[in-house]
Protein backbone atom coordinates (compact mmCIF):
# COMPACT_ATOMS: atom_id res chain seq x y z
CA MET A 1 -14.51 49.46 17.79
CA VAL A 2 -11.00 49.97 16.39
CA ASP A 3 -10.79 52.18 13.31
CA VAL A 4 -9.67 49.96 10.44
CA ALA A 5 -8.18 52.94 8.59
CA ASP A 6 -5.87 53.86 11.53
CA GLU A 7 -2.27 53.27 10.44
CA ASN A 8 -1.34 52.34 14.01
CA THR A 9 -3.78 49.44 13.91
CA PHE A 10 -2.76 45.91 13.01
CA ARG A 11 -5.09 44.12 10.60
CA ALA A 12 -5.18 40.33 10.53
CA SER A 13 -6.65 38.56 7.51
CA PHE A 14 -7.87 35.02 8.19
CA PHE A 15 -9.99 34.52 5.07
CA GLY A 16 -7.83 33.15 2.29
CA PRO A 17 -4.06 33.38 2.86
CA PHE A 18 -3.34 34.46 6.45
CA SER A 19 -1.49 37.75 6.85
CA LEU A 20 -0.81 40.49 9.38
CA THR A 21 -0.59 44.10 8.18
CA LYS A 22 0.20 47.47 9.69
CA GLY A 23 0.46 50.45 7.40
CA ASP A 24 2.39 49.38 4.31
CA VAL A 25 4.08 46.41 5.96
CA THR A 26 2.59 42.92 5.59
CA LEU A 27 3.72 39.63 7.08
CA SER A 28 2.52 36.49 5.31
CA GLN A 29 3.60 32.88 5.02
CA SER A 30 5.62 33.70 1.91
CA THR A 31 7.60 36.37 3.75
CA ALA A 32 7.82 34.47 7.04
CA ARG A 33 8.88 31.28 5.24
CA SER A 34 7.58 29.21 8.14
CA LYS A 35 4.19 27.54 8.33
CA GLN A 36 4.55 26.82 12.05
CA LEU A 37 5.34 30.43 12.93
CA MET A 38 2.31 31.68 11.02
CA ARG A 39 0.09 28.99 12.55
CA LEU A 40 1.21 30.06 16.02
CA LEU A 41 0.61 33.73 15.18
CA SER A 42 -2.86 32.99 13.82
CA ALA A 43 -3.76 31.02 16.96
CA LEU A 44 -2.56 33.81 19.26
CA ILE A 45 -4.50 36.45 17.34
CA TYR A 46 -7.67 34.37 16.99
CA ASN A 47 -7.79 33.76 20.74
CA ASN A 48 -6.65 37.24 21.78
CA SER A 49 -9.97 38.06 23.45
CA MET A 50 -9.92 34.85 25.48
CA PRO A 51 -6.34 33.52 25.70
CA GLY A 52 -6.24 29.87 26.66
CA ARG A 53 -3.62 27.74 28.29
CA ASN A 54 -0.44 26.84 26.46
CA GLU A 55 -1.62 23.24 26.21
CA HIS A 56 -4.15 24.42 23.63
CA LEU A 57 -1.38 25.95 21.50
CA MET A 58 0.61 22.73 21.79
CA ASP A 59 -2.37 20.70 20.57
CA ILE A 60 -2.71 23.00 17.57
CA LEU A 61 0.96 23.00 16.65
CA TRP A 62 1.78 19.39 17.46
CA PRO A 63 -1.48 17.42 17.29
CA GLY A 64 0.37 14.12 17.48
CA SER A 65 3.16 14.37 19.99
CA THR A 66 6.56 15.91 20.51
CA ASP A 67 9.27 15.01 23.01
CA ASP A 68 9.14 18.27 24.96
CA PRO A 69 6.14 20.38 23.82
CA ALA A 70 6.63 23.09 26.46
CA HIS A 71 10.23 23.69 25.39
CA ALA A 72 9.27 23.48 21.71
CA LEU A 73 6.53 26.08 22.24
CA ALA A 74 8.85 28.44 24.11
CA ASN A 75 11.40 28.15 21.30
CA LEU A 76 8.73 28.80 18.65
CA VAL A 77 7.43 31.86 20.53
CA TYR A 78 11.00 33.18 20.75
CA ARG A 79 11.41 32.76 16.98
CA LEU A 80 8.04 34.44 16.36
CA ARG A 81 9.00 37.44 18.50
CA LYS A 82 12.25 37.80 16.56
CA LEU A 83 10.32 37.61 13.28
CA LEU A 84 7.78 40.22 14.36
CA ASP A 85 10.56 42.51 15.57
CA ARG A 86 12.12 42.40 12.10
CA PHE A 87 8.90 43.68 10.57
CA TRP A 88 7.84 46.06 13.36
CA PRO A 89 10.86 46.93 15.51
CA GLY A 90 10.15 47.90 19.09
CA GLU A 91 6.56 46.60 19.10
CA ASP A 92 5.89 44.28 22.05
CA LEU A 93 3.22 42.19 20.34
CA ILE A 94 3.40 38.82 22.11
CA VAL A 95 3.31 38.85 25.90
CA SER A 96 3.19 36.13 28.53
CA GLY A 97 1.82 35.76 32.00
CA LYS A 98 0.49 33.06 34.32
CA GLY A 99 1.84 30.35 32.08
CA ILE A 100 0.24 31.52 28.85
CA TYR A 101 1.26 33.41 25.71
CA TYR A 102 -1.12 35.87 24.10
CA TRP A 103 -1.41 38.88 21.81
CA SER A 104 -0.85 42.08 23.76
CA PRO A 105 -4.18 43.72 24.69
CA ASP A 106 -2.45 47.12 24.41
CA VAL A 107 -1.86 46.67 20.67
CA PRO A 108 -4.78 47.81 18.46
CA LEU A 109 -5.96 44.93 16.29
CA VAL A 110 -8.85 44.23 13.90
CA THR A 111 -9.59 40.92 12.22
CA ASP A 112 -11.60 40.23 9.09
CA PHE A 113 -13.61 37.43 10.72
CA GLN A 114 -14.72 39.68 13.58
CA THR A 115 -15.51 42.51 11.18
CA MET A 116 -17.68 40.15 9.16
CA GLN A 117 -19.48 38.84 12.24
CA ASP A 118 -20.17 42.38 13.45
CA ALA A 119 -21.45 43.46 10.02
CA VAL A 120 -23.81 40.48 9.81
CA ALA A 121 -25.11 41.24 13.31
CA ARG A 122 -25.76 44.87 12.32
CA SER A 123 -27.62 43.73 9.21
CA ARG A 124 -29.94 41.63 11.35
CA ASP A 125 -30.67 44.54 13.68
CA ALA A 126 -31.01 47.17 10.94
CA ALA A 127 -34.37 48.91 10.79
CA GLU A 128 -33.80 50.40 7.31
CA GLU A 129 -32.94 48.48 4.15
CA THR A 130 -30.19 50.96 3.29
CA GLU A 131 -28.37 50.20 6.53
CA ARG A 132 -28.95 46.49 6.07
CA ARG A 133 -27.56 46.63 2.54
CA GLU A 134 -24.41 48.49 3.64
CA SER A 135 -23.79 46.03 6.47
CA LEU A 136 -24.20 43.03 4.17
CA MET A 137 -21.89 44.57 1.58
CA GLN A 138 -19.23 45.04 4.25
CA ALA A 139 -19.67 41.45 5.45
CA VAL A 140 -19.34 40.06 1.94
CA SER A 141 -16.26 42.17 1.18
CA CYS A 142 -14.40 40.65 4.15
CA TYR A 143 -14.49 37.12 2.79
CA ARG A 144 -11.76 36.25 0.28
CA GLY A 145 -11.53 32.51 0.82
CA ARG A 146 -11.83 29.77 3.41
CA PHE A 147 -10.82 30.50 6.98
CA LEU A 148 -7.05 29.84 7.25
CA GLU A 149 -7.09 27.98 3.95
CA GLU A 150 -3.31 27.56 4.08
CA PHE A 151 -3.75 24.93 6.79
CA PRO A 152 -6.05 22.42 5.03
CA ASP A 153 -4.99 19.36 7.03
CA GLU A 154 -5.90 20.69 10.47
CA TYR A 155 -9.20 19.12 11.47
CA ASP A 156 -9.73 21.48 14.41
CA LEU A 157 -10.27 24.27 11.85
CA LEU A 158 -13.12 22.53 10.01
CA PRO A 159 -15.96 23.70 12.31
CA ARG A 160 -14.77 27.30 12.12
CA GLN A 161 -14.26 27.11 8.36
CA SER A 162 -17.80 25.79 7.96
CA TYR A 163 -19.24 28.44 10.32
CA TYR A 164 -17.64 31.42 8.57
CA HIS A 165 -18.34 30.04 5.10
CA ASN A 166 -22.03 29.64 5.91
CA LEU A 167 -22.07 33.12 7.45
CA PHE A 168 -20.65 34.49 4.20
CA LEU A 169 -23.14 32.58 2.04
CA GLY A 170 -26.03 33.83 4.16
CA ALA A 171 -24.87 37.42 3.73
CA VAL A 172 -24.51 36.96 -0.03
CA LYS A 173 -27.99 35.48 -0.41
CA ASN A 174 -29.61 38.19 1.71
CA LEU A 175 -27.84 40.88 -0.30
CA ALA A 176 -28.85 39.17 -3.56
CA ASP A 177 -32.48 39.25 -2.40
CA ILE A 178 -32.21 43.01 -1.83
CA TYR A 179 -30.75 43.50 -5.30
CA ASP A 180 -33.50 41.35 -6.82
CA ARG A 181 -36.32 43.23 -5.06
CA ASN A 182 -34.93 46.56 -6.25
CA GLY A 183 -34.37 45.49 -9.85
CA GLU A 184 -30.57 45.70 -9.55
CA PHE A 185 -30.09 42.58 -11.63
CA GLU A 186 -26.56 43.29 -12.88
CA ASP A 187 -25.38 43.67 -9.29
CA GLU A 188 -27.22 40.47 -8.36
CA GLU A 189 -25.51 38.54 -11.15
CA SER A 190 -22.05 39.93 -10.30
CA LEU A 191 -22.50 39.17 -6.61
CA ALA A 192 -23.68 35.61 -7.19
CA ARG A 193 -20.94 34.85 -9.72
CA ALA A 194 -18.24 36.16 -7.38
CA ALA A 195 -19.57 33.96 -4.57
CA LEU A 196 -19.79 30.96 -6.93
CA ALA A 197 -16.06 31.32 -7.55
CA LEU A 198 -15.66 30.38 -3.88
CA ASP A 199 -18.46 27.78 -3.75
CA PRO A 200 -19.38 26.49 -7.23
CA SER A 201 -21.86 23.88 -5.97
CA ASP A 202 -24.27 26.18 -4.11
CA GLU A 203 -27.61 25.98 -5.91
CA ASP A 204 -29.05 29.10 -4.29
CA LEU A 205 -26.27 31.13 -5.90
CA HIS A 206 -26.96 29.55 -9.29
CA CYS A 207 -30.63 30.44 -8.79
CA ALA A 208 -29.64 34.04 -8.08
CA VAL A 209 -27.84 34.18 -11.44
CA LEU A 210 -30.91 32.75 -13.17
CA ARG A 211 -33.20 35.27 -11.44
CA ALA A 212 -30.90 38.08 -12.54
CA TYR A 213 -31.01 36.89 -16.15
CA ALA A 214 -34.80 36.65 -15.95
CA GLY A 215 -34.98 40.19 -14.60
CA MET A 216 -32.85 41.43 -17.50
CA ASN A 217 -34.93 39.34 -19.94
CA ARG A 218 -31.77 37.52 -21.05
CA ILE A 219 -33.55 34.22 -21.59
CA LEU A 220 -30.98 32.72 -23.97
CA ASP A 221 -28.19 33.52 -21.52
CA ALA A 222 -30.25 31.91 -18.77
CA GLU A 223 -30.74 28.76 -20.84
CA ARG A 224 -27.03 28.47 -21.54
CA TYR A 225 -26.21 29.18 -17.92
CA TYR A 226 -28.62 26.55 -16.62
CA LEU A 227 -26.95 23.87 -18.74
CA GLU A 228 -23.54 25.06 -17.55
CA ALA A 229 -24.66 25.09 -13.91
CA THR A 230 -26.15 21.61 -14.27
CA GLY A 231 -22.74 20.30 -15.31
CA VAL A 232 -21.03 22.05 -12.41
CA ILE A 233 -23.53 20.73 -9.85
CA MET A 234 -23.18 17.25 -11.30
CA GLN A 235 -19.40 17.49 -11.07
CA TYR A 236 -19.36 18.58 -7.43
CA THR A 237 -22.33 16.68 -6.00
CA GLY A 238 -22.80 13.79 -8.41
CA GLY A 239 -26.50 14.65 -8.80
CA VAL A 240 -28.84 16.77 -10.87
CA PRO A 241 -30.17 20.21 -9.84
CA SER A 242 -32.86 20.22 -7.18
CA MET A 243 -36.54 20.71 -7.92
CA PRO A 244 -36.59 24.42 -6.87
CA MET A 245 -33.78 25.26 -9.30
CA THR A 246 -35.40 23.28 -12.12
CA GLN A 247 -38.78 24.89 -11.47
CA LEU A 248 -37.21 28.36 -11.49
CA TYR A 249 -35.61 27.61 -14.84
CA GLU A 250 -38.85 26.27 -16.33
CA ALA A 251 -40.87 29.23 -15.03
CA MET A 252 -38.36 31.59 -16.56
CA LEU A 253 -38.55 29.90 -19.96
CA SER A 254 -42.33 30.19 -19.88
CA ARG A 255 -42.06 33.98 -19.94
CA ILE A 256 -42.64 35.34 -23.43
CA SER A 257 -41.91 39.04 -23.78
CA GLN A 258 -43.09 39.30 -27.43
CA PRO A 259 -46.23 37.21 -28.10
CA GLU A 260 -46.41 35.64 -31.59
CA ASN A 261 -49.87 35.69 -33.19
CA ASP A 262 -49.00 34.25 -36.63
CA LEU A 263 -49.77 30.54 -36.32
CA ASP A 264 -48.61 29.86 -39.89
CA ARG A 265 -45.18 31.27 -39.05
CA ILE A 266 -44.99 29.17 -35.89
CA ALA A 267 -45.97 26.04 -37.86
CA PHE A 268 -43.35 26.85 -40.51
CA GLU A 269 -40.61 27.13 -37.89
CA LEU A 270 -41.67 23.85 -36.30
CA ASP A 271 -41.82 22.05 -39.66
CA HIS A 272 -38.36 23.25 -40.63
CA CYS A 273 -36.57 22.44 -37.39
CA GLU A 274 -33.50 20.29 -37.90
CA GLU A 275 -34.67 16.70 -37.61
CA VAL A 276 -33.00 14.73 -34.84
CA GLN A 277 -31.47 11.57 -36.32
CA ARG A 278 -30.83 9.78 -33.03
CA ALA A 279 -32.01 9.66 -29.43
CA MET A 280 -32.58 13.04 -27.81
CA LEU A 281 -29.97 14.11 -25.25
CA CYS A 282 -31.50 16.70 -22.92
CA GLU A 283 -31.09 18.19 -19.46
CA TYR A 284 -32.97 16.60 -16.59
CA GLY A 285 -35.83 19.12 -16.42
CA VAL A 286 -36.71 18.51 -20.08
CA PHE A 287 -36.36 14.75 -19.59
CA ARG A 288 -38.77 14.89 -16.67
CA ASN A 289 -41.39 16.60 -18.83
CA ILE A 290 -40.89 14.07 -21.64
CA TYR A 291 -41.35 11.28 -19.12
CA ALA A 292 -44.59 12.83 -17.82
CA LEU A 293 -45.92 13.22 -21.37
CA ASN A 294 -45.01 9.63 -22.20
CA ARG A 295 -46.81 8.40 -19.10
CA ARG A 296 -49.98 10.28 -20.11
CA LEU A 297 -49.79 8.88 -23.65
CA LYS A 298 -49.44 5.39 -22.22
CA ASP A 299 -52.71 5.86 -20.33
CA ARG A 300 -54.39 6.72 -23.64
CA ASN A 301 -53.03 4.08 -26.00
CA GLU A 302 -51.54 1.55 -23.54
CA ALA A 303 -48.23 1.54 -25.44
CA PRO A 304 -45.50 0.19 -23.13
CA SER A 305 -42.45 2.28 -22.29
CA SER A 306 -39.49 1.67 -20.02
CA ILE A 307 -37.02 3.72 -18.06
CA VAL A 308 -33.42 2.54 -17.68
CA LEU A 309 -30.70 3.72 -15.29
CA VAL A 310 -27.24 3.07 -16.75
CA THR A 311 -24.30 3.26 -14.35
CA LEU A 312 -20.57 3.42 -14.96
CA ASP A 313 -19.17 1.20 -12.21
CA THR A 314 -16.62 3.54 -10.67
CA LYS A 315 -16.18 5.34 -7.37
CA ALA A 316 -16.92 9.08 -7.15
CA ALA A 317 -13.24 9.70 -6.37
CA ASP A 318 -12.35 8.22 -9.78
CA LEU A 319 -14.71 10.40 -11.81
CA ALA A 320 -11.96 12.78 -12.88
CA ARG A 321 -10.02 9.88 -14.44
CA SER A 322 -13.11 8.22 -15.87
CA GLY A 323 -14.15 11.19 -18.02
CA GLU A 324 -13.19 9.39 -21.23
CA ALA A 325 -15.25 6.35 -20.23
CA VAL A 326 -18.27 8.58 -19.49
CA ASP A 327 -17.96 10.17 -22.94
CA ARG A 328 -17.74 6.73 -24.53
CA LEU A 329 -20.81 5.58 -22.66
CA GLU A 330 -22.79 8.63 -23.80
CA GLN A 331 -21.85 8.08 -27.44
CA ALA A 332 -22.68 4.38 -27.18
CA ILE A 333 -26.13 5.17 -25.78
CA LEU A 334 -26.96 7.84 -28.35
CA SER A 335 -25.77 5.77 -31.30
CA SER A 336 -27.68 2.65 -30.19
CA LEU A 337 -31.13 4.09 -29.47
CA ARG A 338 -33.96 5.21 -31.72
CA ARG A 339 -34.96 8.78 -32.56
CA GLY A 340 -37.99 8.65 -30.25
CA ASP A 341 -35.96 7.82 -27.14
CA ALA A 342 -34.72 10.39 -24.61
CA VAL A 343 -31.48 10.45 -22.60
CA THR A 344 -30.25 12.63 -19.75
CA ARG A 345 -27.13 12.58 -17.63
CA PHE A 346 -28.39 11.83 -14.15
CA SER A 347 -25.13 12.01 -12.17
CA GLY A 348 -21.41 12.08 -12.74
CA SER A 349 -21.42 8.41 -13.73
CA GLN A 350 -25.04 7.68 -14.65
CA TYR A 351 -27.46 8.17 -17.55
CA LEU A 352 -31.22 7.88 -17.50
CA ILE A 353 -32.94 6.55 -20.63
CA LEU A 354 -36.60 6.64 -21.64
CA LEU A 355 -37.36 3.90 -24.18
CA ALA A 356 -40.66 4.89 -25.78
CA GLY A 357 -42.76 1.96 -26.99
CA CYS A 358 -40.40 -0.59 -25.46
CA SER A 359 -41.60 -3.03 -22.83
CA VAL A 360 -39.33 -3.86 -19.92
CA GLU A 361 -39.00 -7.39 -21.30
CA ASN A 362 -37.28 -6.00 -24.40
CA VAL A 363 -34.90 -3.67 -22.56
CA ASP A 364 -32.14 -6.30 -22.58
CA ILE A 365 -32.19 -6.34 -26.39
CA VAL A 366 -31.68 -2.58 -26.53
CA MET A 367 -29.03 -2.55 -23.82
CA LYS A 368 -27.13 -5.33 -25.56
CA ARG A 369 -26.60 -2.91 -28.46
CA VAL A 370 -25.52 -0.17 -26.06
CA LEU A 371 -23.01 -2.37 -24.23
CA GLN A 372 -21.61 -3.74 -27.46
CA ALA A 373 -21.07 -0.22 -28.77
CA TYR A 374 -19.42 0.77 -25.50
CA TYR A 375 -17.02 -2.16 -25.19
CA THR A 376 -16.01 -2.21 -28.87
CA GLN A 377 -14.56 1.31 -28.66
CA GLY A 378 -11.35 -0.08 -27.19
CA ALA A 379 -9.98 -1.05 -23.81
CA VAL A 380 -12.32 0.31 -21.14
CA PRO A 381 -11.39 -0.06 -17.44
CA TYR A 382 -14.91 0.58 -16.12
CA ARG A 383 -17.80 -1.85 -16.23
CA VAL A 384 -21.33 -0.73 -17.13
CA THR A 385 -24.43 -1.96 -15.29
CA TYR A 386 -28.09 -1.08 -15.70
CA SER A 387 -31.50 -1.51 -14.13
CA ALA A 388 -34.93 -1.05 -15.74
CA ARG A 389 -38.58 -0.71 -14.90
CA SER A 390 -41.81 -0.04 -16.75
CA VAL A 391 -43.27 3.45 -17.01
CA GLU A 392 -46.32 3.18 -14.78
């Protein structure tokens, strides 16, 4: 293995902005001022252990067509050599032979993607947790963004981007498990939050933050975070958190570190809670419990109840522009329902309503009030639809 700290070694960074560094000198797209030159350099370095034919480079650089790809490639290689010579004079970095161009095998080179792969492999083979931890920490530290993220329109990169991203997430989650087992909850939270900056929709990472808060007995922080994470997941996926994440949150809330034995005090606090003057807006986990309670009460007193799914008729791609319409719909629902009803945001453009004591035959009467409140707020470009069924 090449020593990363050796100043005679070139270091290529593929995660995040692509760059090539030796000592204090770094070549990046901003200094090269040519996307094609950097794309060619990245392809030559990535394939340095198994250089392919020039046709492969042509397909990468000119995926459509060009009049004379062989001549265009030769010209681009010439320009790349001149560029590299400006940064590292006298270094023969790009060589050719048998009709192919490739990175010189005589030039020491390390890449962040290979370093990460090797570290993950060592973590899998490690017999001791200390060694496993160190390997995972090295793997995680290599990843600073998507593989060659400066070339987002190149479909041939998607499989590799997905592979390395999943490799990174696996390393993060394994390291988070180690932190959790050893009670290193602050490290677990920091690790998960840093990874969430790169992948905000990953529920396992959100769960790691919740576990860390539970371990530190920061229940209020966990409650606030769960609501925040629910909004993020809804924004990126259009759905609510999965059952495992909801169950983790509910189990965490059930932990009471200081038992209260004064029933009179508990009753006083309950009696003096601020009275809700309209329908209850809650997160999905709470709504699910209210629904279950309502279903059990129905079995006892046979009082009818209904559940309604209200949908803003817009495509997922339009959700960013339809934020105002979603807010209007929420206000229309809350202002039109009774205090005993419950509401939750079910997806980026949907709300779920529990109408307690309302038969499905009377849902249209309630929804007429909701729609009237929605459409009378001004010009609204999105239509609202709904469907209903009885609580069985």
